[in-house]
Structures are given as C-alpha cells and as structure tokens.
Amino acid sequence: MAKVVVALGGNALGNNLIEQMAAVKETAKSIVDLVAEGHEVILVHGNGPQAGMIQLAMDELTADDPTKYPPVPLSVCVAMSQTYIGYDLQNALREEMLHRNIHKPVITVATQVVVDKADPAFNKPTKPIGRFMTKAEADQLANEGVDVMEDAGRGYRRVVASPKPKEIVELETIDTLLKADQLVICCGGGGIPVIKQENDHLQGVAAVIDKDYCSALLAATIDADMLVILTAVEKVALNFGKPDQKELGEVSIAEMKQYIAEGHFAPGSMLPKVEAGLSFAAKSGKKTLITSLEKAKDGLAGKTGTVIVG
C-alpha cells in the first residue's frame, strides 16, 4: 500500500455549485479506485473559481453598506471555499465507498498555511481566481485598479499574489487522522494563507497559494510515497498544441529542469505542476505522477502519465 497525496485539478470540481455537485461524483469514482487498490489517499484540491465566486458575492454584499457588512478578506473566502468544496467531496467519496462496501471515514480539515510576508509574490500578482472574462470586462476591471491577466488562452481572470507555502499549521492534526485510517481532505486551495505575527497570532493575507506547491510540501512533510498531480491531460507535453507536440513519459529531474528553462510550460497552467513535482521528487527521492483524473489508477500502476523520477 502506498501513501499518496493527490492534488485535484480544477476539472475535478467544475466552476460553480451545480457543476461542482456533478463533477465530484465522477471525481469520487477515480479517487475510490485508488482506495480500492489499497492506497492511503490524502486529497488536496484547487479553489480558484470557488474562492473568486465567494469573494465576488461578499463584495456585492458589503458594497452598499460596509458599516453593516464589513468587507470580507480573501483569506476568509479561501476558508469558506475549503469547507464548501470539502462538503461536496466528502459526501461523494463516502457514497461511492459505501456503494463498493468500503467503510472508511472521510474528513475535511480547514488548513492554514504559513507564507513569508516578504515573499516577492506580493509585489507581482500572478494567481488566477474567479470566473473567466472577456477582454472588455478585464479592461474595465484593470481601469478600476484590479489586477487581471490572460489565462492560458482561455480568457481573462483576476489575479492575486501567490506566495510559496512554508509551513502547514494543522500538520499534526492531519497526521493523527491519517494514523486513524481516515481519508483526509486538507490544504484546500493551497491552504488559508497566513503570516506569523507576535504573540503567536496568525494573520490572514490577501493571496492564494498554488495548491500544487502546497501538495508537494505536504507530501514531503508526511513522507508520502508518491505525489500525484491530476490535470486535464494524460501526459505533460513539449510544444503543447503545436504540430511537433511530444508527450513525456518517465523524465529525470535534470531533463525536466531543462524543459522548464526552454520555456515549454505555461505559467499559471502546467508550469506550477511541473515545478511542484520537481520539488517533491528532489526533496524525497521519490516519484511524482502528472496525469488526468481518469487515468490516475493506470498512472499509479505505471501504465501512463508523466513521471518525474527523483
């Protein structure tokens, strides 16, 4: 049995409540496939559309009367998204396991992740959140002082700071639950970003931590056997979308670093997944698998996917 940290891509969750409720049912089937194979699974998920949606709703609520409804920080919106997404995932996973006569508790841990207040990311927002917009909508927001960017050819989105994760606050709780043989959902959306203040206070900050980087930190810290990063494609590719596209199978750390230097992977899309996979493989000497949700079982069996070898 392998201890596996699985980072779920956005395609596993949908972009709104209705899409999410449908998507998690299919997601649960692939995850329970891994549980049925005997793997110990720890789930991390993204939250870009969900956190953005919650922030937009909170902004609308507070706009008319901020004295009655004070503005809600992004860190609080991230916290809301963790339980909102975890709630749907827990129910879908529990139901799928019971259908297969697997009795295993599922729990969501509201997880804070410490970042460095001096992280240069705070000076250069890059993390897309919220819905996709047209260029006209994006230009209007930009004129209002909101940071926006084009997101991998799919449209425009708001962007916020994406500092690197340094420490998972609830790590001891997560470890205790794993030892009790529970399926743990944690570090949702990369974790609630906090900085350490005096008197042991943790202060939330306006940022979204990349869930793949946080997954790599979690996997290395809990001594996972493998990090599995699930995305929309079966394999990472060089020259993606071009006539000479080449899919990657097993790749060494040195080879993947060279491909990054050559600019093969899009920032905000495949690049953080590859960098996170490299980080775990380098720290642990173990493997990272990058593949699609549908191919997760085959990927763990060594049949497909891109594998970064430590």
C-alpha atoms as a PDB file:
ATOM      1  CA  MET A   1       0.000   0.000   0.000  1.00  0.00           C
ATOM      2  CA  ALA A   2       1.330   3.428  -0.970  1.00  0.00           C
ATOM      3  CA  LYS A   3       0.726   6.700   0.853  1.00  0.00           C
ATOM      4  CA  VAL A   4      -0.320   9.062  -1.962  1.00  0.00           C
ATOM      5  CA  VAL A   5      -1.001  12.795  -1.900  1.00  0.00           C
ATOM      6  CA  VAL A   6      -3.404  13.569  -4.742  1.00  0.00           C
ATOM      7  CA  ALA A   7      -3.746  17.149  -5.986  1.00  0.00           C
ATOM      8  CA  LEU A   8      -7.057  17.576  -7.800  1.00  0.00           C
ATOM      9  CA  GLY A   9      -7.148  19.925 -10.784  1.00  0.00           C
ATOM     10  CA  GLY A  10      -9.951  22.371 -11.478  1.00  0.00           C
ATOM     11  CA  ASN A  11     -11.595  19.984 -13.953  1.00  0.00           C
ATOM     12  CA  ALA A  12     -12.354  17.711 -10.996  1.00  0.00           C
ATOM     13  CA  LEU A  13     -14.594  20.332  -9.383  1.00  0.00           C
ATOM     14  CA  GLY A  14     -16.323  22.444 -12.032  1.00  0.00           C
ATOM     15  CA  ASN A  15     -16.759  26.217 -11.945  1.00  0.00           C
ATOM     16  CA  ASN A  16     -19.930  26.709  -9.915  1.00  0.00           C
ATOM     17  CA  LEU A  17     -22.188  24.917  -7.439  1.00  0.00           C
ATOM     18  CA  ILE A  18     -24.207  22.940  -9.993  1.00  0.00           C
ATOM     19  CA  GLU A  19     -21.119  21.915 -11.985  1.00  0.00           C
ATOM     20  CA  GLN A  20     -19.289  21.013  -8.777  1.00  0.00           C
ATOM     21  CA  MET A  21     -22.034  18.739  -7.470  1.00  0.00           C
ATOM     22  CA  ALA A  22     -21.983  16.841 -10.770  1.00  0.00           C
ATOM     23  CA  ALA A  23     -18.194  16.824 -11.128  1.00  0.00           C
ATOM     24  CA  VAL A  24     -17.413  15.441  -7.672  1.00  0.00           C
ATOM     25  CA  LYS A  25     -19.499  12.348  -8.351  1.00  0.00           C
ATOM     26  CA  GLU A  26     -17.198  11.447 -11.234  1.00  0.00           C
ATOM     27  CA  THR A  27     -14.123  12.560  -9.302  1.00  0.00           C
ATOM     28  CA  ALA A  28     -15.075  10.302  -6.397  1.00  0.00           C
ATOM     29  CA  LYS A  29     -15.107   7.250  -8.674  1.00  0.00           C
ATOM     30  CA  SER A  30     -11.482   7.785  -9.717  1.00  0.00           C
ATOM     31  CA  ILE A  31     -10.326   8.514  -6.164  1.00  0.00           C
ATOM     32  CA  VAL A  32     -12.133   5.497  -4.712  1.00  0.00           C
ATOM     33  CA  ASP A  33     -10.492   3.382  -7.421  1.00  0.00           C
ATOM     34  CA  LEU A  34      -7.198   4.227  -5.689  1.00  0.00           C
ATOM     35  CA  VAL A  35      -8.610   3.459  -2.240  1.00  0.00           C
ATOM     36  CA  ALA A  36      -9.910   0.123  -3.536  1.00  0.00           C
ATOM     37  CA  GLU A  37      -6.393  -0.692  -4.752  1.00  0.00           C
ATOM     38  CA  GLY A  38      -5.210  -0.318  -1.152  1.00  0.00           C
ATOM     39  CA  HIS A  39      -3.599   3.117  -1.388  1.00  0.00           C
ATOM     40  CA  GLU A  40      -3.717   5.587   1.501  1.00  0.00           C
ATOM     41  CA  VAL A  41      -5.035   8.734  -0.169  1.00  0.00           C
ATOM     42  CA  ILE A  42      -4.723  12.324   1.025  1.00  0.00           C
ATOM     43  CA  LEU A  43      -6.625  14.838  -1.112  1.00  0.00           C
ATOM     44  CA  VAL A  44      -5.716  18.435  -1.894  1.00  0.00           C
ATOM     45  CA  HIS A  45      -7.906  20.480  -4.235  1.00  0.00           C
ATOM     46  CA  GLY A  46      -7.851  23.806  -6.026  1.00  0.00           C
ATOM     47  CA  ASN A  47     -10.371  26.579  -5.398  1.00  0.00           C
ATOM     48  CA  GLY A  48      -9.741  29.319  -7.981  1.00  0.00           C
ATOM     49  CA  PRO A  49     -13.285  29.633  -9.354  1.00  0.00           C
ATOM     50  CA  GLN A  50     -14.892  28.995  -5.951  1.00  0.00           C
ATOM     51  CA  ALA A  51     -12.802  31.478  -3.947  1.00  0.00           C
ATOM     52  CA  GLY A  52     -13.326  34.096  -6.639  1.00  0.00           C
ATOM     53  CA  MET A  53     -17.073  33.464  -6.643  1.00  0.00           C
ATOM     54  CA  ILE A  54     -17.264  33.793  -2.866  1.00  0.00           C
ATOM     55  CA  GLN A  55     -15.174  36.978  -2.894  1.00  0.00           C
ATOM     56  CA  LEU A  56     -17.432  38.473  -5.576  1.00  0.00           C
ATOM     57  CA  ALA A  57     -20.545  37.617  -3.546  1.00  0.00           C
ATOM     58  CA  MET A  58     -19.034  39.110  -0.400  1.00  0.00           C
ATOM     59  CA  ASP A  59     -18.029  42.272  -2.280  1.00  0.00           C
ATOM     60  CA  GLU A  60     -21.578  42.652  -3.582  1.00  0.00           C
ATOM     61  CA  LEU A  61     -22.947  42.216  -0.062  1.00  0.00           C
ATOM     62  CA  THR A  62     -20.685  44.841   1.502  1.00  0.00           C
ATOM     63  CA  ALA A  63     -20.761  47.394  -1.340  1.00  0.00           C
ATOM     64  CA  ASP A  64     -23.995  49.165  -0.328  1.00  0.00           C
ATOM     65  CA  ASP A  65     -23.462  49.340   3.431  1.00  0.00           C
ATOM     66  CA  PRO A  66     -19.893  48.463   4.560  1.00  0.00           C
ATOM     67  CA  THR A  67     -20.685  49.592   8.101  1.00  0.00           C
ATOM     68  CA  LYS A  68     -23.382  46.921   8.434  1.00  0.00           C
ATOM     69  CA  TYR A  69     -21.472  44.280   6.451  1.00  0.00           C
ATOM     70  CA  PRO A  70     -17.710  44.964   6.690  1.00  0.00           C
ATOM     71  CA  PRO A  71     -15.547  43.793   3.755  1.00  0.00           C
ATOM     72  CA  VAL A  72     -14.575  40.105   3.896  1.00  0.00           C
ATOM     73  CA  PRO A  73     -10.850  39.372   3.372  1.00  0.00           C
ATOM     74  CA  LEU A  74      -9.778  36.949   0.646  1.00  0.00           C
ATOM     75  CA  SER A  75      -8.245  34.660   3.290  1.00  0.00           C
ATOM     76  CA  VAL A  76     -11.707  34.223   4.815  1.00  0.00           C
ATOM     77  CA  CYS A  77     -13.142  33.472   1.370  1.00  0.00           C
ATOM     78  CA  VAL A  78     -10.471  30.763   0.957  1.00  0.00           C
ATOM     79  CA  ALA A  79     -11.524  29.310   4.320  1.00  0.00           C
ATOM     80  CA  MET A  80     -15.162  29.294   3.190  1.00  0.00           C
ATOM     81  CA  SER A  81     -14.204  27.539  -0.034  1.00  0.00           C
ATOM     82  CA  GLN A  82     -12.386  24.767   1.847  1.00  0.00           C
ATOM     83  CA  THR A  83     -15.496  23.578   3.678  1.00  0.00           C
ATOM     84  CA  TYR A  84     -17.842  24.322   0.759  1.00  0.00           C
ATOM     85  CA  ILE A  85     -15.778  22.100  -1.552  1.00  0.00           C
ATOM     86  CA  GLY A  86     -14.907  19.611   1.190  1.00  0.00           C
ATOM     87  CA  TYR A  87     -18.587  19.139   1.985  1.00  0.00           C
ATOM     88  CA  ASP A  88     -19.358  18.011  -1.574  1.00  0.00           C
ATOM     89  CA  LEU A  89     -16.213  15.872  -1.843  1.00  0.00           C
ATOM     90  CA  GLN A  90     -16.843  14.159   1.493  1.00  0.00           C
ATOM     91  CA  ASN A  91     -20.392  13.202   0.554  1.00  0.00           C
ATOM     92  CA  ALA A  92     -19.432  11.974  -2.909  1.00  0.00           C
ATOM     93  CA  LEU A  93     -16.485   9.928  -1.615  1.00  0.00           C
ATOM     94  CA  ARG A  94     -18.480   8.455   1.265  1.00  0.00           C
ATOM     95  CA  GLU A  95     -21.327   7.470  -1.056  1.00  0.00           C
ATOM     96  CA  GLU A  96     -19.004   5.910  -3.638  1.00  0.00           C
ATOM     97  CA  MET A  97     -17.126   3.912  -0.989  1.00  0.00           C
ATOM     98  CA  LEU A  98     -20.328   2.623   0.583  1.00  0.00           C
ATOM     99  CA  HIS A  99     -21.536   1.531  -2.866  1.00  0.00           C
ATOM    100  CA  ARG A 100     -18.374  -0.590  -3.047  1.00  0.00           C
ATOM    101  CA  ASN A 101     -18.715  -1.851   0.530  1.00  0.00           C
ATOM    102  CA  ILE A 102     -15.663   0.161   1.655  1.00  0.00           C
ATOM    103  CA  HIS A 103     -16.084   1.565   5.163  1.00  0.00           C
ATOM    104  CA  LYS A 104     -13.628   4.419   5.648  1.00  0.00           C
ATOM    105  CA  PRO A 105     -14.243   7.783   7.346  1.00  0.00           C
ATOM    106  CA  VAL A 106     -13.742  10.944   5.278  1.00  0.00           C
ATOM    107  CA  ILE A 107     -12.872  14.280   6.872  1.00  0.00           C
ATOM    108  CA  THR A 108     -12.085  17.810   5.699  1.00  0.00           C
ATOM    109  CA  VAL A 109      -9.519  19.784   7.678  1.00  0.00           C
ATOM    110  CA  ALA A 110      -9.671  23.578   7.499  1.00  0.00           C
ATOM    111  CA  THR A 111      -5.964  24.134   6.899  1.00  0.00           C
ATOM    112  CA  GLN A 112      -3.839  27.238   7.406  1.00  0.00           C
ATOM    113  CA  VAL A 113      -0.521  27.537   5.582  1.00  0.00           C
ATOM    114  CA  VAL A 114       2.197  29.959   6.640  1.00  0.00           C
ATOM    115  CA  VAL A 115       3.749  32.199   3.995  1.00  0.00           C
ATOM    116  CA  ASP A 116       6.575  34.731   4.216  1.00  0.00           C
ATOM    117  CA  LYS A 117       5.308  38.311   4.422  1.00  0.00           C
ATOM    118  CA  ALA A 118       8.423  39.333   2.464  1.00  0.00           C
ATOM    119  CA  ASP A 119       7.684  36.906  -0.394  1.00  0.00           C
ATOM    120  CA  PRO A 120       8.228  38.842  -3.657  1.00  0.00           C
ATOM    121  CA  ALA A 121       4.975  37.378  -4.986  1.00  0.00           C
ATOM    122  CA  PHE A 122       3.091  40.061  -3.066  1.00  0.00           C
ATOM    123  CA  ASN A 123       4.591  42.639  -5.430  1.00  0.00           C
ATOM    124  CA  LYS A 124       3.612  40.710  -8.566  1.00  0.00           C
ATOM    125  CA  PRO A 125       0.165  39.070  -8.506  1.00  0.00           C
ATOM    126  CA  THR A 126       0.007  36.050 -10.833  1.00  0.00           C
ATOM    127  CA  LYS A 127      -2.564  33.571  -9.452  1.00  0.00           C
ATOM    128  CA  PRO A 128      -5.845  33.473 -11.417  1.00  0.00           C
ATOM    129  CA  ILE A 129      -9.067  33.317  -9.382  1.00  0.00           C
ATOM    130  CA  GLY A 130     -12.731  33.673 -10.192  1.00  0.00           C
ATOM    131  CA  ARG A 131     -14.596  33.375 -13.451  1.00  0.00           C
ATOM    132  CA  PHE A 132     -13.245  33.860 -16.969  1.00  0.00           C
ATOM    133  CA  MET A 133     -13.927  37.279 -18.532  1.00  0.00           C
ATOM    134  CA  THR A 134     -13.831  38.854 -21.953  1.00  0.00           C
ATOM    135  CA  LYS A 135     -11.084  41.359 -22.732  1.00  0.00           C
ATOM    136  CA  ALA A 136     -13.577  44.202 -22.434  1.00  0.00           C
ATOM    137  CA  GLU A 137     -14.587  43.088 -18.929  1.00  0.00           C
ATOM    138  CA  ALA A 138     -10.948  42.654 -17.953  1.00  0.00           C
ATOM    139  CA  ASP A 139     -10.037  46.099 -19.256  1.00  0.00           C
ATOM    140  CA  GLN A 140     -12.813  47.646 -17.193  1.00  0.00           C
ATOM    141  CA  LEU A 141     -11.567  45.958 -14.013  1.00  0.00           C
ATOM    142  CA  ALA A 142      -7.980  46.951 -14.796  1.00  0.00           C
ATOM    143  CA  ASN A 143      -9.122  50.573 -15.067  1.00  0.00           C
ATOM    144  CA  GLU A 144     -10.586  50.188 -11.577  1.00  0.00           C
ATOM    145  CA  GLY A 145      -7.205  49.065 -10.226  1.00  0.00           C
ATOM    146  CA  VAL A 146      -7.868  45.307 -10.166  1.00  0.00           C
ATOM    147  CA  ASP A 147      -5.046  43.050 -11.393  1.00  0.00           C
ATOM    148  CA  VAL A 148      -6.106  40.895 -14.355  1.00  0.00           C
ATOM    149  CA  MET A 149      -4.309  38.644 -16.825  1.00  0.00           C
ATOM    150  CA  GLU A 150      -4.940  36.317 -19.756  1.00  0.00           C
ATOM    151  CA  ASP A 151      -5.103  32.713 -18.527  1.00  0.00           C
ATOM    152  CA  ALA A 152      -3.568  30.142 -20.895  1.00  0.00           C
ATOM    153  CA  GLY A 153      -5.672  31.129 -23.894  1.00  0.00           C
ATOM    154  CA  ARG A 154      -8.956  30.540 -22.079  1.00  0.00           C
ATOM    155  CA  GLY A 155      -9.915  34.138 -21.309  1.00  0.00           C
ATOM    156  CA  TYR A 156      -9.100  36.783 -18.705  1.00  0.00           C
ATOM    157  CA  ARG A 157      -9.268  36.419 -14.935  1.00  0.00           C
ATOM    158  CA  ARG A 158      -8.500  38.414 -11.824  1.00  0.00           C
ATOM    159  CA  VAL A 159      -5.087  37.639 -10.354  1.00  0.00           C
ATOM    160  CA  VAL A 160      -3.801  37.838  -6.783  1.00  0.00           C
ATOM    161  CA  ALA A 161      -0.478  37.169  -5.089  1.00  0.00           C
ATOM    162  CA  SER A 162       0.677  33.538  -4.947  1.00  0.00           C
ATOM    163  CA  PRO A 163       3.374  33.228  -2.264  1.00  0.00           C
ATOM    164  CA  LYS A 164       5.176  29.942  -1.689  1.00  0.00           C
ATOM    165  CA  PRO A 165       3.967  27.765   1.215  1.00  0.00           C
ATOM    166  CA  LYS A 166       6.375  27.457   4.127  1.00  0.00           C
ATOM    167  CA  GLU A 167       4.581  25.530   6.870  1.00  0.00           C
ATOM    168  CA  ILE A 168       1.290  23.653   7.280  1.00  0.00           C
ATOM    169  CA  VAL A 169      -0.197  24.714  10.607  1.00  0.00           C
ATOM    170  CA  GLU A 170      -2.585  21.780  11.096  1.00  0.00           C
ATOM    171  CA  LEU A 171       0.003  19.160  10.149  1.00  0.00           C
ATOM    172  CA  GLU A 172      -0.211  17.332  13.493  1.00  0.00           C
ATOM    173  CA  THR A 173      -3.996  17.038  13.148  1.00  0.00           C
ATOM    174  CA  ILE A 174      -3.669  15.717   9.592  1.00  0.00           C
ATOM    175  CA  ASP A 175      -1.093  13.152  10.691  1.00  0.00           C
ATOM    176  CA  THR A 176      -3.304  11.988  13.580  1.00  0.00           C
ATOM    177  CA  LEU A 177      -6.263  11.470  11.229  1.00  0.00           C
ATOM    178  CA  LEU A 178      -4.117   9.528   8.766  1.00  0.00           C
ATOM    179  CA  LYS A 179      -2.945   7.229  11.551  1.00  0.00           C
ATOM    180  CA  ALA A 180      -6.619   6.629  12.351  1.00  0.00           C
ATOM    181  CA  ASP A 181      -7.083   5.356   8.768  1.00  0.00           C
ATOM    182  CA  GLN A 182      -9.240   8.273   7.605  1.00  0.00           C
ATOM    183  CA  LEU A 183      -9.364   9.695   4.090  1.00  0.00           C
ATOM    184  CA  VAL A 184      -8.252  13.276   4.669  1.00  0.00           C
ATOM    185  CA  ILE A 185      -9.113  16.302   2.521  1.00  0.00           C
ATOM    186  CA  CYS A 186      -6.788  19.127   3.502  1.00  0.00           C
ATOM    187  CA  CYS A 187      -4.851  22.182   2.306  1.00  0.00           C
ATOM    188  CA  GLY A 188      -7.815  23.110   0.114  1.00  0.00           C
ATOM    189  CA  GLY A 189      -6.984  25.809  -2.391  1.00  0.00           C
ATOM    190  CA  GLY A 190      -3.362  25.578  -1.279  1.00  0.00           C
ATOM    191  CA  GLY A 191      -4.373  26.409   2.289  1.00  0.00           C
ATOM    192  CA  ILE A 192      -5.619  29.553   4.021  1.00  0.00           C
ATOM    193  CA  PRO A 193      -2.621  31.898   3.625  1.00  0.00           C
ATOM    194  CA  VAL A 194      -1.398  33.320   6.934  1.00  0.00           C
ATOM    195  CA  ILE A 195       1.696  35.082   8.238  1.00  0.00           C
ATOM    196  CA  LYS A 196       3.091  34.703  11.748  1.00  0.00           C
ATOM    197  CA  GLN A 197       2.728  37.740  13.987  1.00  0.00           C
ATOM    198  CA  GLU A 198       3.811  38.445  17.549  1.00  0.00           C
ATOM    199  CA  ASN A 199       2.103  36.643  20.440  1.00  0.00           C
ATOM    200  CA  ASP A 200       1.582  33.510  18.287  1.00  0.00           C
ATOM    201  CA  HIS A 201      -1.079  35.242  16.174  1.00  0.00           C
ATOM    202  CA  LEU A 202      -1.692  34.010  12.631  1.00  0.00           C
ATOM    203  CA  GLN A 203      -2.900  36.785  10.322  1.00  0.00           C
ATOM    204  CA  GLY A 204      -4.685  36.017   7.066  1.00  0.00           C
ATOM    205  CA  VAL A 205      -3.354  37.705   3.933  1.00  0.00           C
ATOM    206  CA  ALA A 206      -4.868  38.517   0.522  1.00  0.00           C
ATOM    207  CA  ALA A 207      -3.358  35.720  -1.517  1.00  0.00           C
ATOM    208  CA  VAL A 208      -3.999  32.280  -2.973  1.00  0.00           C
ATOM    209  CA  ILE A 209      -1.293  29.638  -2.538  1.00  0.00           C
ATOM    210  CA  ASP A 210      -0.846  27.334  -5.505  1.00  0.00           C
ATOM    211  CA  LYS A 211      -2.337  24.003  -4.477  1.00  0.00           C
ATOM    212  CA  ASP A 212       0.330  22.023  -6.367  1.00  0.00           C
ATOM    213  CA  TYR A 213       3.183  23.671  -4.435  1.00  0.00           C
ATOM    214  CA  CYS A 214       1.315  23.065  -1.190  1.00  0.00           C
ATOM    215  CA  SER A 215       0.695  19.435  -2.175  1.00  0.00           C
ATOM    216  CA  ALA A 216       4.428  18.980  -2.743  1.00  0.00           C
ATOM    217  CA  LEU A 217       5.181  20.439   0.697  1.00  0.00           C
ATOM    218  CA  LEU A 218       2.550  18.223   2.318  1.00  0.00           C
ATOM    219  CA  ALA A 219       3.760  15.093   0.528  1.00  0.00           C
ATOM    220  CA  ALA A 220       7.380  15.683   1.542  1.00  0.00           C
ATOM    221  CA  THR A 221       6.441  16.509   5.142  1.00  0.00           C
ATOM    222  CA  ILE A 222       4.264  13.437   5.756  1.00  0.00           C
ATOM    223  CA  ASP A 223       6.727  11.159   3.942  1.00  0.00           C
ATOM    224  CA  ALA A 224       4.326  10.208   1.150  1.00  0.00           C
ATOM    225  CA  ASP A 225       5.386   7.505  -1.290  1.00  0.00           C
ATOM    226  CA  MET A 226       4.199   9.499  -4.298  1.00  0.00           C
ATOM    227  CA  LEU A 227       2.753  12.858  -5.263  1.00  0.00           C
ATOM    228  CA  VAL A 228       0.000  12.622  -7.873  1.00  0.00           C
ATOM    229  CA  ILE A 229      -0.947  15.847  -9.663  1.00  0.00           C
ATOM    230  CA  LEU A 230      -4.161  15.480 -11.649  1.00  0.00           C
ATOM    231  CA  THR A 231      -4.897  17.818 -14.524  1.00  0.00           C
ATOM    232  CA  ALA A 232      -6.820  17.946 -17.811  1.00  0.00           C
ATOM    233  CA  VAL A 233      -4.291  15.975 -19.887  1.00  0.00           C
ATOM    234  CA  GLU A 234      -2.956  12.428 -19.693  1.00  0.00           C
ATOM    235  CA  LYS A 235       0.687  13.472 -20.060  1.00  0.00           C
ATOM    236  CA  VAL A 236       2.780  16.611 -19.895  1.00  0.00           C
ATOM    237  CA  ALA A 237       3.840  17.670 -23.388  1.00  0.00           C
ATOM    238  CA  LEU A 238       6.610  19.638 -25.016  1.00  0.00           C
ATOM    239  CA  ASN A 239       5.498  22.122 -27.688  1.00  0.00           C
ATOM    240  CA  PHE A 240       1.941  21.755 -26.411  1.00  0.00           C
ATOM    241  CA  GLY A 241      -0.703  22.368 -29.065  1.00  0.00           C
ATOM    242  CA  LYS A 242       1.818  22.548 -31.894  1.00  0.00           C
ATOM    243  CA  PRO A 243       2.355  20.092 -34.784  1.00  0.00           C
ATOM    244  CA  ASP A 244       5.553  18.790 -33.148  1.00  0.00           C
ATOM    245  CA  GLN A 245       3.934  18.197 -29.743  1.00  0.00           C
ATOM    246  CA  LYS A 246       5.738  15.447 -27.809  1.00  0.00           C
ATOM    247  CA  GLU A 247       4.266  13.750 -24.746  1.00  0.00           C
ATOM    248  CA  LEU A 248       6.566  12.884 -21.874  1.00  0.00           C
ATOM    249  CA  GLY A 249       6.688   9.550 -20.054  1.00  0.00           C
ATOM    250  CA  GLU A 250       9.359   8.985 -17.407  1.00  0.00           C
ATOM    251  CA  VAL A 251      11.564  12.065 -17.021  1.00  0.00           C
ATOM    252  CA  SER A 252      14.565  12.788 -14.807  1.00  0.00           C
ATOM    253  CA  ILE A 253      14.819  15.902 -12.660  1.00  0.00           C
ATOM    254  CA  ALA A 254      17.639  17.228 -14.846  1.00  0.00           C
ATOM    255  CA  GLU A 255      15.644  16.723 -18.038  1.00  0.00           C
ATOM    256  CA  MET A 256      12.569  18.458 -16.637  1.00  0.00           C
ATOM    257  CA  LYS A 257      14.641  21.419 -15.445  1.00  0.00           C
ATOM    258  CA  GLN A 258      15.996  21.754 -18.974  1.00  0.00           C
ATOM    259  CA  TYR A 259      12.478  21.733 -20.429  1.00  0.00           C
ATOM    260  CA  ILE A 260      11.437  24.456 -17.975  1.00  0.00           C
ATOM    261  CA  ALA A 261      14.448  26.561 -18.975  1.00  0.00           C
ATOM    262  CA  GLU A 262      13.427  26.164 -22.617  1.00  0.00           C
ATOM    263  CA  GLY A 263      10.001  27.630 -21.811  1.00  0.00           C
ATOM    264  CA  HIS A 264       7.831  24.634 -22.664  1.00  0.00           C
ATOM    265  CA  PHE A 265       5.299  25.086 -19.843  1.00  0.00           C
ATOM    266  CA  ALA A 266       2.814  27.924 -19.434  1.00  0.00           C
ATOM    267  CA  PRO A 267       2.931  29.959 -16.187  1.00  0.00           C
ATOM    268  CA  GLY A 268      -0.327  29.633 -14.265  1.00  0.00           C
ATOM    269  CA  SER A 269      -1.101  26.375 -16.082  1.00  0.00           C
ATOM    270  CA  MET A 270       1.364  23.465 -16.449  1.00  0.00           C
ATOM    271  CA  LEU A 271       4.482  25.209 -15.074  1.00  0.00           C
ATOM    272  CA  PRO A 272       3.483  25.158 -11.375  1.00  0.00           C
ATOM    273  CA  LYS A 273       2.513  21.496 -11.664  1.00  0.00           C
ATOM    274  CA  VAL A 274       5.900  20.597 -13.122  1.00  0.00           C
ATOM    275  CA  GLU A 275       7.777  22.755 -10.605  1.00  0.00           C
ATOM    276  CA  ALA A 276       5.822  21.248  -7.707  1.00  0.00           C
ATOM    277  CA  GLY A 277       6.501  17.747  -8.996  1.00  0.00           C
ATOM    278  CA  LEU A 278      10.196  18.537  -9.283  1.00  0.00           C
ATOM    279  CA  SER A 279      10.257  19.916  -5.754  1.00  0.00           C
ATOM    280  CA  PHE A 280       8.798  16.745  -4.235  1.00  0.00           C
ATOM    281  CA  ALA A 281      10.969  14.405  -6.314  1.00  0.00           C
ATOM    282  CA  ALA A 282      14.120  16.347  -5.415  1.00  0.00           C
ATOM    283  CA  LYS A 283      13.358  16.542  -1.678  1.00  0.00           C
ATOM    284  CA  SER A 284      12.141  12.984  -1.241  1.00  0.00           C
ATOM    285  CA  GLY A 285      13.961  10.985  -3.898  1.00  0.00           C
ATOM    286  CA  LYS A 286      10.540   9.564  -4.819  1.00  0.00           C
ATOM    287  CA  LYS A 287       8.287   9.944  -7.841  1.00  0.00           C
ATOM    288  CA  THR A 288       5.727  12.492  -8.958  1.00  0.00           C
ATOM    289  CA  LEU A 289       2.981  11.420 -11.361  1.00  0.00           C
ATOM    290  CA  ILE A 290       1.227  14.010 -13.512  1.00  0.00           C
ATOM    291  CA  THR A 291      -1.799  12.711 -15.405  1.00  0.00           C
ATOM    292  CA  SER A 292      -5.549  13.125 -15.870  1.00  0.00           C
ATOM    293  CA  LEU A 293      -8.154  12.229 -13.273  1.00  0.00           C
ATOM    294  CA  GLU A 294      -9.492   9.433 -15.485  1.00  0.00           C
ATOM    295  CA  LYS A 295      -6.026   7.884 -15.815  1.00  0.00           C
ATOM    296  CA  ALA A 296      -4.994   8.124 -12.145  1.00  0.00           C
ATOM    297  CA  LYS A 297      -5.393   4.405 -11.482  1.00  0.00           C
ATOM    298  CA  ASP A 298      -3.449   3.431 -14.612  1.00  0.00           C
ATOM    299  CA  GLY A 299      -0.812   6.039 -13.812  1.00  0.00           C
ATOM    300  CA  LEU A 300      -0.183   4.615 -10.359  1.00  0.00           C
ATOM    301  CA  ALA A 301       0.082   1.185 -11.987  1.00  0.00           C
ATOM    302  CA  GLY A 302       2.832   2.552 -14.226  1.00  0.00           C
ATOM    303  CA  LYS A 303       0.783   2.332 -17.430  1.00  0.00           C
ATOM    304  CA  THR A 304       0.576   6.031 -18.372  1.00  0.00           C
ATOM    305  CA  GLY A 305       1.179   9.594 -17.268  1.00  0.00           C
ATOM    306  CA  THR A 306       4.315  11.684 -16.932  1.00  0.00           C
ATOM    307  CA  VAL A 307       6.537  10.507 -14.095  1.00  0.00           C
ATOM    308  CA  ILE A 308       9.273  12.703 -12.633  1.00  0.00           C
ATOM    309  CA  VAL A 309      11.869  10.429 -11.085  1.00  0.00           C
ATOM    310  CA  GLY A 310      13.790  11.606  -8.011  1.00  0.00           C
END
